[in-house]
Amino acid sequence: MPTFTSSRYTVSAVTVSGSTTLAQLVEAMKKQRPDHATLTGGWASIADAGSNIRVPNIAPPQSDPEIRDSEAHWPQRVIARYYYFRKDPGLVRANPTGTAQEHHVLDAVDVMINALPGRHDAFQAMFASSNGAILNGLLRSLRDLARADDETASISRDGADLAFSADLILWLLVRARDARELDGYTTIADVLATGARDNVRRTTMLSDGVDFDRPAFLVAVAEIEQLGPVRVELRDEELNAKITADVYPHGAFSIRKRETHYPDIVDDAETRIESLQDFAFGLLPKIKDIYTGDSEWVSFKRAKEIREAAAALIARYEEQIAALDAAGSDSPIE
């Protein structure tokens, strides 16, 4: 699975509800170490050196999850890695009589946890994974960590502070077209692509920029819940950075490392985790706040964009029908 220092990963989030603290969660993690003998998953730091990820028949070196203090727009947060043992069919075929340990490789998911603002008993847990089977084990472990201090603790797959509706994506696209500067620091430098989903959730990416005249885009606007994800390039003077991300409705994003740049950072792994935190704790909340405060969008701009998209589609197909009718009238009758 991807980690926060991988070349590509998608960040999702859940809400952990329970009467605990970040320090207590870390102490609970230290009591749940990866166990090679029983092939049981557990917690450690996100250190890559000697991590043994994807190495068969081995455990990771023991290390501790850490709490990082708040700084600038980053809140106090726990950064940890959940290690688990994954059965590899290739190892089974190569050594069918081998032990269970010889048939498993070590894999991992990185997790970042912070308290949700304004709530004393709720935390956001972001993780670099989208594999359902793996997430079930990870989320069970997160719930167990919280239940060490509160037996009623629970997990909600609600996107936590990352969540928003497809309407924000439409707003972002319109804002990129009409007023790219969000405030005195952050600018929408470009919208490189957007997605449109059909009724069975298949996604088509409309790349090479967003053309408001493209039929597939007009359909996505008219059927707004089908809009997304969007690939957006943001420039921020305060961060001294260009961050490019694929942003999905309902709470997920992917940082695109090759199109993300910090002039004063040359290490790839550092760039990835820096951009994750800047986007999750700085840029995305700023975008959501500006969107929420846009009273004109709620009162008439949203409806105007949807109405114009639907009207453009109707006009387009009326022209096509007229052209077909004209061609049909010229055809000989047999």
Protein backbone atom coordinates (compact mmCIF):
# COMPACT_ATOMS: atom_id res chain seq x y z
CA MET A 1 0.00 0.00 0.00
CA PRO A 2 1.15 3.61 -0.46
CA THR A 3 2.53 5.59 2.45
CA PHE A 4 2.78 9.35 2.93
CA THR A 5 6.27 9.18 1.47
CA SER A 6 5.25 7.15 -1.60
CA SER A 7 5.39 8.70 -5.06
CA ARG A 8 1.60 8.63 -5.30
CA TYR A 9 -1.13 8.12 -2.75
CA THR A 10 -4.71 9.12 -2.06
CA VAL A 11 -5.58 10.54 1.36
CA SER A 12 -8.95 9.68 2.88
CA ALA A 13 -10.27 10.56 6.32
CA VAL A 14 -12.58 9.29 9.04
CA THR A 15 -13.83 10.75 12.30
CA VAL A 16 -12.76 8.98 15.49
CA SER A 17 -15.22 9.82 18.26
CA GLY A 18 -14.29 9.12 21.87
CA SER A 19 -13.06 10.63 25.11
CA THR A 20 -9.31 10.26 24.63
CA THR A 21 -6.28 12.39 23.76
CA LEU A 22 -3.52 12.26 21.16
CA ALA A 23 -1.05 11.27 23.88
CA GLN A 24 -3.30 8.43 25.00
CA LEU A 25 -3.70 7.22 21.42
CA VAL A 26 0.09 7.09 21.02
CA GLU A 27 0.46 5.12 24.26
CA ALA A 28 -2.17 2.66 23.02
CA MET A 29 -0.29 2.34 19.70
CA LYS A 30 2.92 1.43 21.56
CA LYS A 31 1.04 -1.50 23.09
CA GLN A 32 0.02 -2.80 19.65
CA ARG A 33 3.26 -3.61 17.85
CA PRO A 34 3.41 -5.63 14.62
CA ASP A 35 3.83 -9.29 15.59
CA HIS A 36 5.69 -11.41 13.03
CA ALA A 37 5.09 -14.62 14.94
CA THR A 38 1.31 -14.29 14.73
CA LEU A 39 1.25 -12.12 11.57
CA THR A 40 -0.74 -9.52 13.48
CA GLY A 41 -0.69 -5.87 12.41
CA GLY A 42 0.49 -3.05 14.65
CA TRP A 43 1.89 0.46 14.96
CA ALA A 44 5.26 2.15 14.56
CA SER A 45 6.78 5.38 13.20
CA ILE A 46 6.73 6.46 9.55
CA ALA A 47 10.52 6.15 9.26
CA ASP A 48 11.36 4.63 5.87
CA ALA A 49 14.94 3.60 6.66
CA GLY A 50 14.99 -0.14 7.32
CA SER A 51 11.21 -0.31 7.28
CA ASN A 52 11.23 -3.66 5.42
CA ILE A 53 8.05 -2.77 3.51
CA ARG A 54 7.25 -5.45 0.91
CA VAL A 55 10.04 -7.69 2.23
CA PRO A 56 8.91 -11.28 2.89
CA ASN A 57 9.26 -13.18 6.18
CA ILE A 58 10.35 -10.24 8.31
CA ALA A 59 9.02 -7.68 10.80
CA PRO A 60 9.69 -3.94 10.84
CA PRO A 61 12.22 -2.55 13.31
CA GLN A 62 10.57 -1.32 16.50
CA SER A 63 9.92 2.42 16.47
CA ASP A 64 7.44 4.76 18.10
CA PRO A 65 4.64 6.84 16.58
CA GLU A 66 5.20 10.50 17.31
CA ILE A 67 3.26 13.59 18.30
CA ARG A 68 4.26 16.70 16.39
CA ASP A 69 3.52 20.07 17.93
CA SER A 70 1.27 22.61 16.24
CA GLU A 71 3.07 25.05 13.97
CA ALA A 72 1.69 27.77 11.67
CA HIS A 73 -1.59 26.36 10.31
CA TRP A 74 -0.71 22.76 11.21
CA PRO A 75 -2.43 21.47 14.36
CA GLN A 76 -0.86 19.16 16.91
CA ARG A 77 -0.98 15.75 15.28
CA VAL A 78 0.01 12.11 15.63
CA ILE A 79 1.95 10.64 12.73
CA ALA A 80 2.16 6.85 12.67
CA ARG A 81 2.42 3.83 10.41
CA TYR A 82 0.17 0.80 10.64
CA TYR A 83 2.08 -2.31 9.54
CA TYR A 84 0.33 -5.47 8.44
CA PHE A 85 1.34 -8.78 6.87
CA ARG A 86 0.03 -9.53 3.38
CA LYS A 87 -0.07 -13.02 1.87
CA ASP A 88 1.79 -13.11 -1.46
CA PRO A 89 0.52 -15.76 -3.95
CA GLY A 90 3.90 -15.71 -5.71
CA LEU A 91 5.66 -16.77 -2.53
CA VAL A 92 3.13 -19.56 -2.02
CA ARG A 93 3.69 -20.86 -5.55
CA ALA A 94 7.47 -20.67 -5.18
CA ASN A 95 7.46 -22.46 -1.82
CA PRO A 96 4.16 -24.31 -1.33
CA THR A 97 5.38 -26.12 1.81
CA GLY A 98 6.76 -22.98 3.43
CA THR A 99 5.58 -21.51 6.70
CA ALA A 100 2.90 -18.83 6.93
CA GLN A 101 5.64 -16.30 7.69
CA GLU A 102 7.50 -17.29 4.51
CA HIS A 103 4.31 -16.70 2.50
CA HIS A 104 3.73 -13.15 3.81
CA VAL A 105 5.32 -9.78 3.04
CA LEU A 106 5.23 -6.71 5.21
CA ASP A 107 3.10 -3.78 4.07
CA ALA A 108 1.95 -0.52 5.64
CA VAL A 109 -0.50 2.38 5.72
CA ASP A 110 0.46 5.79 7.10
CA VAL A 111 -1.95 7.65 9.38
CA MET A 112 -2.12 11.24 10.64
CA ILE A 113 -4.50 12.08 13.51
CA ASN A 114 -5.52 15.51 14.80
CA ALA A 115 -8.25 16.85 17.06
CA LEU A 116 -11.21 18.32 15.19
CA PRO A 117 -11.61 22.05 15.93
CA GLY A 118 -14.39 22.89 18.36
CA ARG A 119 -14.89 19.28 19.47
CA HIS A 120 -13.32 17.86 22.63
CA ASP A 121 -14.09 14.23 21.83
CA ALA A 122 -13.53 13.88 18.08
CA PHE A 123 -10.45 13.37 15.93
CA GLN A 124 -9.72 13.31 12.24
CA ALA A 125 -7.65 10.35 11.05
CA MET A 126 -6.19 10.70 7.56
CA PHE A 127 -4.66 7.66 5.90
CA ALA A 128 -2.93 6.83 2.64
CA SER A 129 -5.02 3.92 1.44
CA SER A 130 -8.17 3.07 -0.47
CA ASN A 131 -8.10 -0.74 -0.29
CA GLY A 132 -11.31 -1.78 1.45
CA ALA A 133 -10.02 -5.02 2.95
CA ILE A 134 -6.92 -3.35 4.39
CA LEU A 135 -8.93 -0.38 5.65
CA ASN A 136 -11.22 -2.66 7.61
CA GLY A 137 -8.24 -3.90 9.63
CA LEU A 138 -6.79 -0.41 10.01
CA LEU A 139 -10.08 1.13 11.13
CA ARG A 140 -10.73 -1.70 13.59
CA SER A 141 -7.32 -1.02 15.09
CA LEU A 142 -8.02 2.74 15.29
CA ARG A 143 -11.32 2.05 17.02
CA ASP A 144 -9.60 -0.29 19.48
CA LEU A 145 -7.00 2.39 20.24
CA ALA A 146 -9.74 4.87 21.13
CA ARG A 147 -11.65 2.25 23.13
CA ALA A 148 -8.63 1.75 25.37
CA ASP A 149 -9.80 4.96 27.08
CA ASP A 150 -13.47 5.08 26.07
CA GLU A 151 -15.36 1.84 25.46
CA THR A 152 -18.04 3.75 23.51
CA ALA A 153 -15.55 5.16 20.95
CA SER A 154 -16.54 4.79 17.29
CA ILE A 155 -15.35 5.39 13.72
CA SER A 156 -17.39 7.29 11.11
CA ARG A 157 -16.43 7.06 7.44
CA ASP A 158 -17.59 10.60 6.79
CA GLY A 159 -14.50 12.27 5.39
CA ALA A 160 -14.12 14.33 8.60
CA ASP A 161 -12.78 17.83 7.78
CA LEU A 162 -11.87 16.79 4.23
CA ALA A 163 -15.49 16.17 3.26
CA PHE A 164 -17.49 18.40 0.94
CA SER A 165 -20.10 18.02 -1.79
CA ALA A 166 -19.63 18.07 -5.55
CA ASP A 167 -21.02 21.61 -5.45
CA LEU A 168 -17.68 22.87 -4.13
CA ILE A 169 -15.97 21.40 -7.19
CA LEU A 170 -18.33 23.32 -9.48
CA TRP A 171 -17.68 26.48 -7.46
CA LEU A 172 -13.92 25.91 -7.74
CA LEU A 173 -14.15 25.49 -11.52
CA VAL A 174 -16.23 28.65 -11.91
CA ARG A 175 -13.88 30.54 -9.60
CA ALA A 176 -10.90 29.38 -11.68
CA ARG A 177 -12.65 30.74 -14.77
CA ASP A 178 -13.82 34.05 -13.31
CA ALA A 179 -11.60 35.04 -10.34
CA ARG A 180 -8.51 32.92 -9.78
CA GLU A 181 -7.16 34.84 -6.79
CA LEU A 182 -8.74 33.45 -3.63
CA ASP A 183 -7.17 35.92 -1.23
CA GLY A 184 -3.92 37.86 -0.88
CA TYR A 185 -1.85 34.67 -0.82
CA THR A 186 -3.53 31.82 -2.70
CA THR A 187 -4.30 31.65 -6.41
CA ILE A 188 -5.88 28.95 -8.55
CA ALA A 189 -3.05 28.77 -11.06
CA ASP A 190 -4.80 26.22 -13.26
CA VAL A 191 -7.47 23.55 -13.42
CA LEU A 192 -5.75 20.79 -15.36
CA ALA A 193 -8.57 18.24 -15.53
CA THR A 194 -11.92 17.32 -14.13
CA GLY A 195 -13.90 14.13 -13.93
CA ALA A 196 -17.46 13.24 -14.81
CA ARG A 197 -19.13 10.12 -13.43
CA ASP A 198 -22.05 8.23 -14.92
CA ASN A 199 -24.88 6.55 -13.02
CA VAL A 200 -22.76 3.49 -12.21
CA ARG A 201 -19.88 5.65 -10.93
CA ARG A 202 -17.56 5.14 -13.90
CA THR A 203 -15.32 8.20 -14.22
CA THR A 204 -14.17 9.96 -17.36
CA MET A 205 -11.33 12.45 -16.91
CA LEU A 206 -11.59 15.58 -19.08
CA SER A 207 -7.93 16.55 -19.40
CA ASP A 208 -5.98 19.38 -21.08
CA GLY A 209 -7.79 21.99 -19.02
CA VAL A 210 -11.48 22.54 -18.46
CA ASP A 211 -13.52 23.71 -21.44
CA PHE A 212 -16.97 24.86 -20.35
CA ASP A 213 -18.31 24.06 -23.84
CA ARG A 214 -17.45 20.35 -23.81
CA PRO A 215 -20.61 18.21 -23.83
CA ALA A 216 -19.30 15.77 -21.18
CA PHE A 217 -18.53 18.70 -18.88
CA LEU A 218 -21.93 20.30 -19.50
CA VAL A 219 -23.62 17.02 -18.57
CA ALA A 220 -21.58 16.82 -15.36
CA VAL A 221 -22.58 20.38 -14.44
CA ALA A 222 -26.25 19.78 -15.24
CA GLU A 223 -26.11 16.54 -13.24
CA ILE A 224 -23.95 18.13 -10.53
CA GLU A 225 -23.56 15.05 -8.33
CA GLN A 226 -21.66 13.46 -11.23
CA LEU A 227 -18.94 16.13 -11.14
CA GLY A 228 -15.45 15.32 -9.86
CA PRO A 229 -12.67 14.74 -9.17
CA VAL A 230 -10.87 17.92 -10.18
CA ARG A 231 -7.12 18.35 -10.72
CA VAL A 232 -6.17 21.79 -9.47
CA GLU A 233 -2.87 23.66 -9.29
CA LEU A 234 -2.65 26.12 -6.40
CA ARG A 235 0.08 28.69 -5.81
CA ASP A 236 0.52 30.16 -2.36
CA GLU A 237 2.91 33.00 -1.53
CA GLU A 238 2.75 32.41 2.22
CA LEU A 239 3.72 28.75 1.80
CA ASN A 240 6.12 29.60 -1.03
CA ALA A 241 4.79 26.58 -2.88
CA LYS A 242 2.93 25.25 -5.89
CA ILE A 243 0.75 22.30 -4.94
CA THR A 244 -1.14 20.21 -7.48
CA ALA A 245 -3.80 17.81 -6.25
CA ASP A 246 -6.66 15.65 -7.47
CA VAL A 247 -9.58 16.54 -5.20
CA TYR A 248 -12.51 14.14 -4.84
CA PRO A 249 -15.94 14.93 -3.45
CA HIS A 250 -16.91 13.40 -0.10
CA GLY A 251 -13.41 13.67 1.39
CA ALA A 252 -10.29 12.47 -0.42
CA PHE A 253 -7.38 13.96 -2.32
CA SER A 254 -4.16 12.94 -4.05
CA ILE A 255 -1.06 15.12 -4.10
CA ARG A 256 0.66 15.00 -7.49
CA LYS A 257 4.31 15.13 -6.51
CA ARG A 258 5.71 15.74 -10.00
CA GLU A 259 3.62 18.92 -10.31
CA THR A 260 4.21 20.08 -6.72
CA HIS A 261 7.16 22.31 -5.90
CA TYR A 262 8.78 23.96 -2.87
CA PRO A 263 11.85 26.02 -3.84
CA ASP A 264 13.56 25.33 -0.51
CA ILE A 265 12.85 21.57 -0.31
CA VAL A 266 14.73 19.06 -2.47
CA ASP A 267 13.92 15.81 -0.68
CA ASP A 268 10.99 14.01 -2.32
CA ALA A 269 9.69 12.36 0.85
CA GLU A 270 9.76 15.67 2.73
CA THR A 271 7.94 17.40 -0.14
CA ARG A 272 5.19 14.81 -0.05
CA ILE A 273 4.44 15.00 3.64
CA GLU A 274 4.86 18.80 3.68
CA SER A 275 2.39 19.21 0.81
CA LEU A 276 -0.07 16.79 2.44
CA GLN A 277 -0.14 18.87 5.61
CA ASP A 278 -0.24 22.20 3.77
CA PHE A 279 -3.14 21.03 1.64
CA ALA A 280 -5.13 19.27 4.38
CA PHE A 281 -4.66 21.89 7.09
CA GLY A 282 -4.17 25.07 5.09
CA LEU A 283 -5.34 25.21 1.49
CA LEU A 284 -8.40 22.95 1.59
CA PRO A 285 -9.87 24.61 4.72
CA LYS A 286 -9.26 28.01 3.11
CA ILE A 287 -11.06 26.95 -0.07
CA LYS A 288 -13.98 25.55 1.95
CA ASP A 289 -14.25 28.72 4.05
CA ILE A 290 -14.31 31.01 1.00
CA TYR A 291 -16.83 28.74 -0.71
CA THR A 292 -19.07 28.66 2.38
CA GLY A 293 -18.95 32.44 2.64
CA ASP A 294 -19.86 33.06 -1.00
CA SER A 295 -23.46 34.23 -0.55
CA GLU A 296 -23.85 35.07 -4.23
CA TRP A 297 -23.05 31.48 -5.14
CA VAL A 298 -25.85 30.19 -2.93
CA SER A 299 -28.36 32.83 -3.94
CA PHE A 300 -28.04 32.76 -7.74
CA LYS A 301 -24.66 31.84 -9.25
CA ARG A 302 -24.96 28.08 -8.72
CA ALA A 303 -28.39 27.94 -10.35
CA LYS A 304 -27.18 30.17 -13.19
CA GLU A 305 -24.28 27.82 -14.03
CA ILE A 306 -26.47 24.71 -13.93
CA ARG A 307 -29.22 26.38 -15.96
CA GLU A 308 -26.75 27.59 -18.61
CA ALA A 309 -25.16 24.15 -18.88
CA ALA A 310 -28.54 22.49 -19.36
CA ALA A 311 -29.58 25.15 -21.90
CA ALA A 312 -26.33 24.68 -23.85
CA LEU A 313 -26.93 20.94 -24.00
CA ILE A 314 -30.51 21.43 -25.19
CA ALA A 315 -29.39 23.88 -27.87
CA ARG A 316 -26.61 21.51 -28.99
CA TYR A 317 -28.93 18.54 -29.40
CA GLU A 318 -31.68 20.59 -30.99
CA GLU A 319 -29.17 21.63 -33.66
CA GLN A 320 -28.16 18.00 -34.15
CA ILE A 321 -31.79 16.92 -34.45
CA ALA A 322 -32.48 19.70 -36.92
CA ALA A 323 -29.47 18.63 -38.97
CA LEU A 324 -30.62 15.01 -38.92
CA ASP A 325 -34.16 16.04 -39.93
CA ALA A 326 -32.78 18.14 -42.79
CA ALA A 327 -30.60 15.27 -44.00
CA GLY A 328 -33.55 12.91 -43.74
CA SER A 329 -35.80 15.15 -45.86
CA ASP A 330 -33.23 15.09 -48.65
CA SER A 331 -33.01 11.30 -48.68
CA PRO A 332 -34.94 9.47 -51.41
CA ILE A 333 -37.96 7.44 -50.28
CA GLU A 334 -37.68 3.79 -51.21
